Amino acid sequence: MGISVTSKADLRKKVLELRKHLTTEEMAEWDNTICEKIKGLGLEKQFGTVYCYVSVRGETGTESLIRFYLEQGIKVAVPRVKGKEMDFYYIDRYEDLEPGCFGIPEPKKSCELAAEQDVPVIVPGVAFSERFERTGYGAGYYDRFFEKEPQHEKIAICYDFQMTEAIAVDQYDILMDRIITPQKSLNRKDD
């Protein structure tokens, strides 16, 4: 089991501190394992589009997954923040990204707004629970996005130490449908 703390603030602090101490080798191995598990879901066979975050600062890596889908001819959309809202935009290649909000790579202004409201979304987070709860960075972008577009399958990816038994959630927090770590694959439909 992962970590055990009481408040969201403490949970964020603990996980972000643990992430600082990861080695490049650990991250590469875990990212590869998670990427292979995601590929094993066969999303590219079921959907013409996948929404995915662009990893930064020790988040579970998504670059190889994004490149894989693009090579398979799958449309990939990544988030761009505007004010308090976030929308996804198609990219044709990884080089369509430029520094955006909080220094996170975002699609260039020339990229087209993604319109599908029922395709899978690969979701980042600071911590997740076995009850499919998620704690992000506290800004609520993903919660607001999923409130607006609830039909997406929400697939969280993280390292095993980011898992905890339960997270104190509030009414705005959205549950994940799947959580994939190097050692676990949880599916809410199996419960």
N, C-alpha and C. Protein backbone atom coordinates (compact mmCIF):
# COMPACT_ATOMS: atom_id res chain seq x y z
N MET A 1 0.85 -1.18 0.00
CA MET A 1 0.00 0.00 0.00
C MET A 1 0.89 1.23 0.00
N GLY A 2 0.38 2.32 -0.48
CA GLY A 2 1.12 3.57 -0.56
C GLY A 2 1.18 4.28 0.76
N ILE A 3 0.94 5.57 0.72
CA ILE A 3 1.12 6.41 1.88
C ILE A 3 -0.16 6.56 2.67
N SER A 4 -0.02 7.05 3.89
CA SER A 4 -1.18 7.26 4.76
C SER A 4 -1.03 8.60 5.45
N VAL A 5 -1.88 9.55 5.08
CA VAL A 5 -1.91 10.86 5.72
C VAL A 5 -3.36 11.30 5.86
N THR A 6 -3.58 12.36 6.64
CA THR A 6 -4.96 12.72 6.96
C THR A 6 -5.59 13.74 6.02
N SER A 7 -4.89 14.81 5.68
CA SER A 7 -5.51 15.86 4.87
C SER A 7 -4.96 15.86 3.44
N LYS A 8 -5.73 16.48 2.53
CA LYS A 8 -5.26 16.58 1.14
C LYS A 8 -3.95 17.35 1.07
N ALA A 9 -3.84 18.41 1.85
CA ALA A 9 -2.61 19.22 1.83
C ALA A 9 -1.41 18.38 2.27
N ASP A 10 -1.58 17.60 3.34
CA ASP A 10 -0.50 16.73 3.81
C ASP A 10 -0.17 15.66 2.78
N LEU A 11 -1.22 15.10 2.16
CA LEU A 11 -1.04 14.07 1.14
C LEU A 11 -0.23 14.63 -0.04
N ARG A 12 -0.63 15.81 -0.53
CA ARG A 12 0.11 16.43 -1.64
C ARG A 12 1.57 16.65 -1.27
N LYS A 13 1.79 17.21 -0.10
CA LYS A 13 3.15 17.51 0.35
C LYS A 13 4.01 16.25 0.40
N LYS A 14 3.46 15.18 0.98
CA LYS A 14 4.20 13.93 1.13
C LYS A 14 4.53 13.31 -0.23
N VAL A 15 3.53 13.23 -1.12
CA VAL A 15 3.76 12.61 -2.43
C VAL A 15 4.74 13.43 -3.25
N LEU A 16 4.56 14.73 -3.28
CA LEU A 16 5.45 15.58 -4.07
C LEU A 16 6.89 15.49 -3.55
N GLU A 17 7.05 15.34 -2.25
CA GLU A 17 8.39 15.16 -1.67
C GLU A 17 8.97 13.82 -2.12
N LEU A 18 8.17 12.76 -2.08
CA LEU A 18 8.64 11.44 -2.54
C LEU A 18 9.03 11.47 -4.01
N ARG A 19 8.24 12.19 -4.81
CA ARG A 19 8.52 12.27 -6.25
C ARG A 19 9.86 12.92 -6.55
N LYS A 20 10.27 13.86 -5.70
CA LYS A 20 11.56 14.55 -5.90
C LYS A 20 12.74 13.59 -5.82
N HIS A 21 12.57 12.49 -5.11
CA HIS A 21 13.68 11.57 -4.86
C HIS A 21 13.72 10.37 -5.80
N LEU A 22 12.85 10.36 -6.80
CA LEU A 22 12.86 9.26 -7.76
C LEU A 22 14.09 9.35 -8.66
N THR A 23 14.63 8.22 -9.00
CA THR A 23 15.75 8.21 -9.95
C THR A 23 15.19 8.17 -11.37
N THR A 24 16.00 8.60 -12.31
CA THR A 24 15.60 8.55 -13.72
C THR A 24 15.33 7.11 -14.14
N GLU A 25 16.13 6.18 -13.62
CA GLU A 25 15.97 4.76 -13.95
C GLU A 25 14.65 4.21 -13.43
N GLU A 26 14.31 4.55 -12.17
CA GLU A 26 13.02 4.10 -11.60
C GLU A 26 11.86 4.60 -12.44
N MET A 27 11.89 5.90 -12.73
CA MET A 27 10.80 6.50 -13.49
C MET A 27 10.68 5.88 -14.88
N ALA A 28 11.80 5.68 -15.55
CA ALA A 28 11.77 5.10 -16.90
C ALA A 28 11.18 3.69 -16.87
N GLU A 29 11.60 2.88 -15.90
CA GLU A 29 11.09 1.51 -15.79
C GLU A 29 9.58 1.52 -15.50
N TRP A 30 9.15 2.32 -14.53
CA TRP A 30 7.74 2.38 -14.15
C TRP A 30 6.89 2.95 -15.30
N ASP A 31 7.40 4.01 -15.94
CA ASP A 31 6.66 4.61 -17.06
C ASP A 31 6.47 3.59 -18.18
N ASN A 32 7.50 2.82 -18.47
CA ASN A 32 7.42 1.81 -19.52
C ASN A 32 6.38 0.74 -19.16
N THR A 33 6.38 0.30 -17.92
CA THR A 33 5.41 -0.71 -17.47
C THR A 33 3.98 -0.19 -17.60
N ILE A 34 3.75 1.04 -17.16
CA ILE A 34 2.42 1.65 -17.24
C ILE A 34 2.01 1.82 -18.70
N CYS A 35 2.93 2.29 -19.52
CA CYS A 35 2.66 2.49 -20.95
C CYS A 35 2.24 1.17 -21.60
N GLU A 36 2.92 0.10 -21.28
CA GLU A 36 2.57 -1.21 -21.85
C GLU A 36 1.18 -1.65 -21.38
N LYS A 37 0.86 -1.38 -20.12
CA LYS A 37 -0.47 -1.73 -19.62
C LYS A 37 -1.56 -0.94 -20.34
N ILE A 38 -1.30 0.35 -20.57
CA ILE A 38 -2.28 1.18 -21.29
C ILE A 38 -2.43 0.66 -22.73
N LYS A 39 -1.31 0.36 -23.38
CA LYS A 39 -1.39 -0.20 -24.73
C LYS A 39 -2.21 -1.48 -24.73
N GLY A 40 -2.08 -2.28 -23.67
CA GLY A 40 -2.82 -3.53 -23.55
C GLY A 40 -4.33 -3.36 -23.46
N LEU A 41 -4.77 -2.16 -23.15
CA LEU A 41 -6.22 -1.90 -23.10
C LEU A 41 -6.82 -1.85 -24.51
N GLY A 42 -5.96 -1.62 -25.51
CA GLY A 42 -6.43 -1.58 -26.89
C GLY A 42 -7.31 -0.38 -27.20
N LEU A 43 -7.07 0.74 -26.53
CA LEU A 43 -7.88 1.94 -26.76
C LEU A 43 -7.82 2.37 -28.22
N GLU A 44 -6.66 2.15 -28.86
CA GLU A 44 -6.51 2.56 -30.26
C GLU A 44 -7.40 1.74 -31.19
N LYS A 45 -7.82 0.55 -30.75
CA LYS A 45 -8.71 -0.28 -31.57
C LYS A 45 -10.18 0.12 -31.37
N GLN A 46 -10.48 0.68 -30.19
CA GLN A 46 -11.86 1.03 -29.85
C GLN A 46 -12.21 2.47 -30.18
N PHE A 47 -11.22 3.36 -30.15
CA PHE A 47 -11.48 4.78 -30.29
C PHE A 47 -10.56 5.40 -31.32
N GLY A 48 -11.02 6.42 -31.99
CA GLY A 48 -10.18 7.14 -32.94
C GLY A 48 -9.40 8.25 -32.29
N THR A 49 -9.71 8.54 -31.02
CA THR A 49 -9.08 9.64 -30.30
C THR A 49 -8.83 9.24 -28.86
N VAL A 50 -7.71 9.71 -28.30
CA VAL A 50 -7.42 9.58 -26.88
C VAL A 50 -6.99 10.95 -26.37
N TYR A 51 -7.55 11.37 -25.24
CA TYR A 51 -7.12 12.59 -24.57
C TYR A 51 -6.06 12.19 -23.55
N CYS A 52 -4.98 12.96 -23.46
CA CYS A 52 -3.88 12.60 -22.56
C CYS A 52 -3.19 13.85 -22.05
N TYR A 53 -2.75 13.82 -20.81
CA TYR A 53 -1.96 14.94 -20.27
C TYR A 53 -0.52 14.82 -20.73
N VAL A 54 0.19 15.93 -20.66
CA VAL A 54 1.62 15.97 -20.99
C VAL A 54 2.37 16.02 -19.65
N SER A 55 3.17 15.00 -19.38
CA SER A 55 3.82 14.88 -18.07
C SER A 55 4.95 15.88 -17.88
N VAL A 56 5.05 16.38 -16.63
CA VAL A 56 6.11 17.30 -16.22
C VAL A 56 6.47 17.02 -14.76
N ARG A 57 7.65 17.46 -14.37
CA ARG A 57 8.08 17.49 -12.97
C ARG A 57 7.80 16.21 -12.17
N GLY A 58 8.22 15.08 -12.70
CA GLY A 58 8.11 13.83 -11.94
C GLY A 58 6.77 13.13 -12.04
N GLU A 59 5.84 13.65 -12.87
CA GLU A 59 4.58 12.94 -13.08
C GLU A 59 4.85 11.67 -13.87
N THR A 60 3.92 10.74 -13.78
CA THR A 60 4.03 9.52 -14.57
C THR A 60 4.15 9.91 -16.03
N GLY A 61 5.17 9.40 -16.70
CA GLY A 61 5.52 9.84 -18.05
C GLY A 61 4.50 9.43 -19.11
N THR A 62 4.19 10.38 -19.99
CA THR A 62 3.22 10.12 -21.06
C THR A 62 3.79 10.31 -22.47
N GLU A 63 5.01 10.78 -22.59
CA GLU A 63 5.54 11.08 -23.93
C GLU A 63 5.53 9.86 -24.84
N SER A 64 6.00 8.71 -24.35
CA SER A 64 6.05 7.54 -25.23
C SER A 64 4.64 7.06 -25.59
N LEU A 65 3.69 7.22 -24.69
CA LEU A 65 2.31 6.85 -24.97
C LEU A 65 1.71 7.76 -26.04
N ILE A 66 1.93 9.06 -25.90
CA ILE A 66 1.44 10.02 -26.89
C ILE A 66 2.05 9.71 -28.26
N ARG A 67 3.37 9.49 -28.28
CA ARG A 67 4.03 9.18 -29.55
C ARG A 67 3.50 7.87 -30.15
N PHE A 68 3.24 6.87 -29.31
CA PHE A 68 2.70 5.60 -29.78
C PHE A 68 1.35 5.82 -30.48
N TYR A 69 0.45 6.54 -29.83
CA TYR A 69 -0.87 6.76 -30.43
C TYR A 69 -0.77 7.54 -31.74
N LEU A 70 0.09 8.55 -31.76
CA LEU A 70 0.26 9.33 -33.00
C LEU A 70 0.79 8.43 -34.13
N GLU A 71 1.74 7.55 -33.79
CA GLU A 71 2.28 6.63 -34.80
C GLU A 71 1.22 5.64 -35.29
N GLN A 72 0.25 5.30 -34.44
CA GLN A 72 -0.83 4.38 -34.80
C GLN A 72 -1.93 5.07 -35.61
N GLY A 73 -1.78 6.38 -35.82
CA GLY A 73 -2.80 7.13 -36.55
C GLY A 73 -3.99 7.52 -35.71
N ILE A 74 -3.85 7.42 -34.38
CA ILE A 74 -4.91 7.81 -33.46
C ILE A 74 -4.78 9.31 -33.19
N LYS A 75 -5.91 10.00 -33.18
CA LYS A 75 -5.89 11.42 -32.84
C LYS A 75 -5.61 11.56 -31.35
N VAL A 76 -4.69 12.45 -31.02
CA VAL A 76 -4.35 12.70 -29.62
C VAL A 76 -4.68 14.16 -29.32
N ALA A 77 -5.36 14.36 -28.20
CA ALA A 77 -5.67 15.71 -27.75
C ALA A 77 -5.07 15.90 -26.36
N VAL A 78 -4.48 17.06 -26.14
CA VAL A 78 -3.87 17.37 -24.85
C VAL A 78 -4.44 18.69 -24.33
N PRO A 79 -4.35 18.92 -23.00
CA PRO A 79 -5.02 20.08 -22.43
C PRO A 79 -4.31 21.41 -22.63
N ARG A 80 -5.15 22.44 -22.71
CA ARG A 80 -4.68 23.83 -22.67
C ARG A 80 -5.57 24.54 -21.65
N VAL A 81 -4.95 25.30 -20.77
CA VAL A 81 -5.67 26.03 -19.73
C VAL A 81 -5.94 27.45 -20.19
N LYS A 82 -7.17 27.91 -19.90
CA LYS A 82 -7.53 29.30 -20.16
C LYS A 82 -8.33 29.77 -18.95
N GLY A 83 -7.72 30.62 -18.15
CA GLY A 83 -8.37 31.07 -16.92
C GLY A 83 -8.54 29.90 -15.97
N LYS A 84 -9.78 29.64 -15.56
CA LYS A 84 -10.05 28.52 -14.65
C LYS A 84 -10.54 27.28 -15.38
N GLU A 85 -10.58 27.34 -16.71
CA GLU A 85 -11.08 26.22 -17.50
C GLU A 85 -9.94 25.53 -18.25
N MET A 86 -10.20 24.31 -18.67
CA MET A 86 -9.24 23.52 -19.43
C MET A 86 -10.01 22.82 -20.54
N ASP A 87 -9.46 22.87 -21.74
CA ASP A 87 -10.01 22.13 -22.87
C ASP A 87 -8.89 21.35 -23.54
N PHE A 88 -9.26 20.36 -24.33
CA PHE A 88 -8.28 19.54 -25.02
C PHE A 88 -8.22 19.95 -26.49
N TYR A 89 -7.00 19.92 -27.05
CA TYR A 89 -6.75 20.30 -28.44
C TYR A 89 -5.93 19.21 -29.10
N TYR A 90 -6.25 18.94 -30.37
CA TYR A 90 -5.52 17.92 -31.12
C TYR A 90 -4.10 18.36 -31.41
N ILE A 91 -3.18 17.41 -31.33
CA ILE A 91 -1.83 17.64 -31.81
C ILE A 91 -1.54 16.58 -32.88
N ASP A 92 -0.78 16.95 -33.89
CA ASP A 92 -0.41 16.02 -34.95
C ASP A 92 0.94 15.38 -34.69
N ARG A 93 1.75 16.05 -33.87
CA ARG A 93 3.07 15.54 -33.50
C ARG A 93 3.46 16.18 -32.17
N TYR A 94 4.42 15.56 -31.51
CA TYR A 94 4.82 16.04 -30.18
C TYR A 94 5.36 17.47 -30.24
N GLU A 95 5.89 17.83 -31.38
CA GLU A 95 6.46 19.18 -31.54
C GLU A 95 5.38 20.27 -31.64
N ASP A 96 4.10 19.89 -31.62
CA ASP A 96 3.00 20.86 -31.60
C ASP A 96 2.79 21.46 -30.22
N LEU A 97 3.66 21.08 -29.27
CA LEU A 97 3.55 21.59 -27.90
C LEU A 97 4.49 22.76 -27.69
N GLU A 98 4.04 23.71 -26.84
CA GLU A 98 4.86 24.86 -26.46
C GLU A 98 4.59 25.16 -24.99
N PRO A 99 5.51 25.88 -24.30
CA PRO A 99 5.30 26.18 -22.89
C PRO A 99 3.98 26.94 -22.69
N GLY A 100 3.21 26.48 -21.70
CA GLY A 100 1.92 27.10 -21.42
C GLY A 100 1.76 27.43 -19.95
N CYS A 101 0.56 27.32 -19.46
CA CYS A 101 0.21 27.64 -18.08
C CYS A 101 1.06 26.81 -17.11
N PHE A 102 1.61 27.45 -16.10
CA PHE A 102 2.44 26.81 -15.08
C PHE A 102 3.69 26.16 -15.69
N GLY A 103 4.08 26.56 -16.91
CA GLY A 103 5.25 25.99 -17.56
C GLY A 103 4.99 24.61 -18.16
N ILE A 104 3.74 24.16 -18.14
CA ILE A 104 3.38 22.85 -18.68
C ILE A 104 3.22 22.96 -20.20
N PRO A 105 3.82 22.05 -20.97
CA PRO A 105 3.63 22.09 -22.42
C PRO A 105 2.14 21.98 -22.80
N GLU A 106 1.71 22.87 -23.68
CA GLU A 106 0.33 22.90 -24.15
C GLU A 106 0.33 22.95 -25.67
N PRO A 107 -0.80 22.58 -26.30
CA PRO A 107 -0.87 22.66 -27.75
C PRO A 107 -0.75 24.11 -28.22
N LYS A 108 -0.07 24.29 -29.33
CA LYS A 108 0.08 25.62 -29.92
C LYS A 108 -1.29 26.21 -30.22
N LYS A 109 -1.35 27.52 -30.32
CA LYS A 109 -2.62 28.22 -30.59
C LYS A 109 -3.25 27.78 -31.91
N SER A 110 -2.45 27.29 -32.85
CA SER A 110 -2.97 26.85 -34.15
C SER A 110 -3.66 25.49 -34.09
N CYS A 111 -3.55 24.78 -32.95
CA CYS A 111 -4.15 23.45 -32.84
C CYS A 111 -5.68 23.56 -32.69
N GLU A 112 -6.37 22.56 -33.25
CA GLU A 112 -7.83 22.55 -33.28
C GLU A 112 -8.42 22.01 -31.97
N LEU A 113 -9.50 22.64 -31.52
CA LEU A 113 -10.21 22.20 -30.32
C LEU A 113 -10.78 20.79 -30.54
N ALA A 114 -10.58 19.90 -29.58
CA ALA A 114 -11.10 18.54 -29.66
C ALA A 114 -12.58 18.55 -29.27
N ALA A 115 -13.37 17.76 -29.99
CA ALA A 115 -14.83 17.83 -29.80
C ALA A 115 -15.46 16.57 -29.22
N GLU A 116 -14.75 15.43 -29.18
CA GLU A 116 -15.37 14.19 -28.69
C GLU A 116 -15.62 14.30 -27.18
N GLN A 117 -16.80 13.88 -26.77
CA GLN A 117 -17.14 13.96 -25.35
C GLN A 117 -17.25 12.59 -24.70
N ASP A 118 -16.79 11.54 -25.40
CA ASP A 118 -16.92 10.20 -24.83
C ASP A 118 -15.70 9.33 -25.10
N VAL A 119 -14.54 9.95 -25.30
CA VAL A 119 -13.31 9.18 -25.52
C VAL A 119 -12.53 9.10 -24.20
N PRO A 120 -11.63 8.12 -24.07
CA PRO A 120 -10.88 7.98 -22.82
C PRO A 120 -9.93 9.16 -22.59
N VAL A 121 -9.76 9.48 -21.30
CA VAL A 121 -8.84 10.54 -20.89
C VAL A 121 -7.82 9.94 -19.93
N ILE A 122 -6.54 10.06 -20.26
CA ILE A 122 -5.46 9.66 -19.36
C ILE A 122 -5.25 10.82 -18.40
N VAL A 123 -5.47 10.57 -17.11
CA VAL A 123 -5.56 11.63 -16.10
C VAL A 123 -4.35 11.62 -15.16
N PRO A 124 -3.75 12.79 -14.92
CA PRO A 124 -2.67 12.88 -13.93
C PRO A 124 -3.25 13.09 -12.53
N GLY A 125 -2.40 13.04 -11.55
CA GLY A 125 -2.82 13.34 -10.19
C GLY A 125 -1.65 13.20 -9.24
N VAL A 126 -1.84 13.73 -8.05
CA VAL A 126 -0.80 13.62 -7.03
C VAL A 126 -0.96 12.30 -6.29
N ALA A 127 -2.22 11.94 -5.97
CA ALA A 127 -2.48 10.70 -5.25
C ALA A 127 -3.85 10.15 -5.64
N PHE A 128 -4.00 8.84 -5.47
CA PHE A 128 -5.25 8.16 -5.80
C PHE A 128 -5.53 7.14 -4.71
N SER A 129 -6.80 6.78 -4.57
CA SER A 129 -7.15 5.77 -3.57
C SER A 129 -7.70 4.53 -4.26
N GLU A 130 -7.75 3.46 -3.50
CA GLU A 130 -8.32 2.21 -4.01
C GLU A 130 -9.83 2.34 -4.19
N ARG A 131 -10.41 3.45 -3.71
CA ARG A 131 -11.84 3.74 -3.91
C ARG A 131 -12.03 4.65 -5.13
N PHE A 132 -10.95 4.79 -5.94
CA PHE A 132 -10.96 5.54 -7.20
C PHE A 132 -11.05 7.06 -7.01
N GLU A 133 -10.69 7.51 -5.81
CA GLU A 133 -10.65 8.95 -5.53
C GLU A 133 -9.32 9.51 -6.03
N ARG A 134 -9.33 10.80 -6.34
CA ARG A 134 -8.16 11.45 -6.90
C ARG A 134 -7.89 12.77 -6.17
N THR A 135 -6.63 13.02 -5.92
CA THR A 135 -6.20 14.34 -5.46
C THR A 135 -5.24 14.88 -6.51
N GLY A 136 -5.58 16.04 -7.05
CA GLY A 136 -4.70 16.70 -8.00
C GLY A 136 -3.85 17.73 -7.28
N TYR A 137 -3.55 18.80 -7.98
CA TYR A 137 -2.70 19.84 -7.40
C TYR A 137 -3.52 20.90 -6.68
N GLY A 138 -4.84 20.80 -6.74
CA GLY A 138 -5.69 21.71 -5.99
C GLY A 138 -6.38 22.78 -6.80
N ALA A 139 -6.09 22.87 -8.11
CA ALA A 139 -6.69 23.92 -8.93
C ALA A 139 -8.05 23.51 -9.50
N GLY A 140 -8.36 22.22 -9.54
CA GLY A 140 -9.68 21.75 -9.95
C GLY A 140 -9.94 21.70 -11.45
N TYR A 141 -8.91 21.82 -12.29
CA TYR A 141 -9.12 21.83 -13.74
C TYR A 141 -9.79 20.56 -14.24
N TYR A 142 -9.29 19.40 -13.81
CA TYR A 142 -9.86 18.14 -14.29
C TYR A 142 -11.27 17.93 -13.74
N ASP A 143 -11.49 18.29 -12.48
CA ASP A 143 -12.84 18.14 -11.92
C ASP A 143 -13.85 18.98 -12.69
N ARG A 144 -13.48 20.21 -13.02
CA ARG A 144 -14.39 21.08 -13.79
C ARG A 144 -14.58 20.54 -15.21
N PHE A 145 -13.50 20.03 -15.82
CA PHE A 145 -13.62 19.48 -17.16
C PHE A 145 -14.59 18.28 -17.16
N PHE A 146 -14.43 17.36 -16.19
CA PHE A 146 -15.29 16.18 -16.16
C PHE A 146 -16.72 16.51 -15.72
N GLU A 147 -16.89 17.58 -14.99
CA GLU A 147 -18.23 18.04 -14.65
C GLU A 147 -18.95 18.48 -15.93
N LYS A 148 -18.20 19.12 -16.81
CA LYS A 148 -18.72 19.62 -18.08
C LYS A 148 -18.91 18.48 -19.10
N GLU A 149 -17.99 17.49 -19.08
CA GLU A 149 -18.02 16.37 -20.03
C GLU A 149 -17.88 15.05 -19.26
N PRO A 150 -18.96 14.59 -18.62
CA PRO A 150 -18.87 13.42 -17.74
C PRO A 150 -18.77 12.06 -18.42
N GLN A 151 -18.99 11.98 -19.73
CA GLN A 151 -19.05 10.68 -20.41
C GLN A 151 -17.68 10.05 -20.67
N HIS A 152 -16.61 10.81 -20.52
CA HIS A 152 -15.27 10.26 -20.77
C HIS A 152 -14.93 9.15 -19.76
N GLU A 153 -14.25 8.10 -20.24
CA GLU A 153 -13.67 7.14 -19.31
C GLU A 153 -12.41 7.79 -18.74
N LYS A 154 -12.31 7.81 -17.42
CA LYS A 154 -11.22 8.48 -16.73
C LYS A 154 -10.19 7.44 -16.29
N ILE A 155 -9.03 7.44 -16.95
CA ILE A 155 -7.98 6.45 -16.68
C ILE A 155 -6.81 7.16 -16.01
N ALA A 156 -6.68 6.93 -14.71
CA ALA A 156 -5.59 7.54 -13.95
C ALA A 156 -4.35 6.67 -14.03
N ILE A 157 -3.20 7.30 -14.16
CA ILE A 157 -1.94 6.55 -14.11
C ILE A 157 -1.06 7.20 -13.05
N CYS A 158 -0.38 6.34 -12.29
CA CYS A 158 0.49 6.85 -11.23
C CYS A 158 1.46 5.76 -10.80
N TYR A 159 2.41 6.15 -9.97
CA TYR A 159 3.34 5.19 -9.39
C TYR A 159 2.69 4.59 -8.14
N ASP A 160 3.13 3.42 -7.74
CA ASP A 160 2.49 2.72 -6.63
C ASP A 160 2.53 3.50 -5.32
N PHE A 161 3.58 4.27 -5.07
CA PHE A 161 3.65 5.00 -3.81
C PHE A 161 2.63 6.14 -3.75
N GLN A 162 1.99 6.45 -4.88
CA GLN A 162 0.96 7.49 -4.90
C GLN A 162 -0.41 6.96 -4.52
N MET A 163 -0.51 5.67 -4.27
CA MET A 163 -1.78 5.06 -3.88
C MET A 163 -1.95 5.10 -2.36
N THR A 164 -3.18 5.33 -1.93
CA THR A 164 -3.52 5.32 -0.52
C THR A 164 -4.88 4.65 -0.37
N GLU A 165 -5.23 4.28 0.86
CA GLU A 165 -6.50 3.57 1.07
C GLU A 165 -7.69 4.44 0.74
N ALA A 166 -7.68 5.67 1.23
CA ALA A 166 -8.82 6.58 1.01
C ALA A 166 -8.31 8.01 1.03
N ILE A 167 -9.06 8.87 0.37
CA ILE A 167 -8.75 10.30 0.31
C ILE A 167 -9.99 11.06 0.75
N ALA A 168 -9.80 12.06 1.57
CA ALA A 168 -10.93 12.91 1.96
C ALA A 168 -11.33 13.74 0.75
N VAL A 169 -12.48 13.43 0.16
CA VAL A 169 -12.93 14.11 -1.04
C VAL A 169 -14.05 15.07 -0.71
N ASP A 170 -14.26 16.04 -1.60
CA ASP A 170 -15.40 16.93 -1.43
C ASP A 170 -16.38 16.70 -2.58
N GLN A 171 -17.47 17.44 -2.58
CA GLN A 171 -18.54 17.19 -3.55
C GLN A 171 -18.11 17.42 -4.99
N TYR A 172 -17.03 18.15 -5.23
CA TYR A 172 -16.60 18.45 -6.60
C TYR A 172 -15.63 17.43 -7.16
N ASP A 173 -15.08 16.58 -6.30
CA ASP A 173 -14.09 15.61 -6.75
C ASP A 173 -14.76 14.50 -7.57
N ILE A 174 -14.15 14.21 -8.72
CA ILE A 174 -14.67 13.21 -9.64
C ILE A 174 -13.91 11.90 -9.44
N LEU A 175 -14.63 10.78 -9.40
CA LEU A 175 -13.99 9.47 -9.26
C LEU A 175 -13.41 9.02 -10.60
N MET A 176 -12.32 8.29 -10.54
CA MET A 176 -11.70 7.71 -11.72
C MET A 176 -12.42 6.40 -12.06
N ASP A 177 -12.34 5.98 -13.32
CA ASP A 177 -12.91 4.70 -13.74
C ASP A 177 -11.88 3.57 -13.67
N ARG A 178 -10.62 3.93 -13.94
CA ARG A 178 -9.51 2.98 -13.85
C ARG A 178 -8.33 3.67 -13.21
N ILE A 179 -7.51 2.88 -12.53
CA ILE A 179 -6.23 3.37 -12.01
C ILE A 179 -5.18 2.33 -12.39
N ILE A 180 -4.13 2.79 -13.05
CA ILE A 180 -3.07 1.88 -13.48
C ILE A 180 -1.74 2.34 -12.89
N THR A 181 -1.10 1.41 -12.19
CA THR A 181 0.23 1.64 -11.62
C THR A 181 1.14 0.54 -12.17
N PRO A 182 2.42 0.59 -11.89
CA PRO A 182 3.29 -0.50 -12.35
C PRO A 182 2.84 -1.87 -11.81
N GLN A 183 2.28 -1.91 -10.59
CA GLN A 183 1.93 -3.19 -9.98
C GLN A 183 0.44 -3.51 -9.99
N LYS A 184 -0.42 -2.52 -10.26
CA LYS A 184 -1.87 -2.74 -10.17
C LYS A 184 -2.60 -2.21 -11.38
N SER A 185 -3.73 -2.84 -11.66
CA SER A 185 -4.68 -2.33 -12.64
C SER A 185 -6.05 -2.46 -12.01
N LEU A 186 -6.62 -1.34 -11.60
CA LEU A 186 -7.93 -1.32 -10.94
C LEU A 186 -8.98 -0.80 -11.92
N ASN A 187 -10.13 -1.46 -11.95
CA ASN A 187 -11.22 -1.05 -12.82
C ASN A 187 -12.48 -0.96 -11.96
N ARG A 188 -13.08 0.22 -11.91
CA ARG A 188 -14.26 0.43 -11.07
C ARG A 188 -15.42 -0.47 -11.48
N LYS A 189 -15.47 -0.84 -12.76
CA LYS A 189 -16.54 -1.71 -13.24
C LYS A 189 -16.42 -3.12 -12.67
N ASP A 190 -15.20 -3.48 -12.20
CA ASP A 190 -15.00 -4.81 -11.62
C ASP A 190 -15.52 -4.89 -10.19
N ASP A 191 -15.75 -3.72 -9.56
CA ASP A 191 -16.19 -3.71 -8.16
C ASP A 191 -17.66 -4.04 -8.03
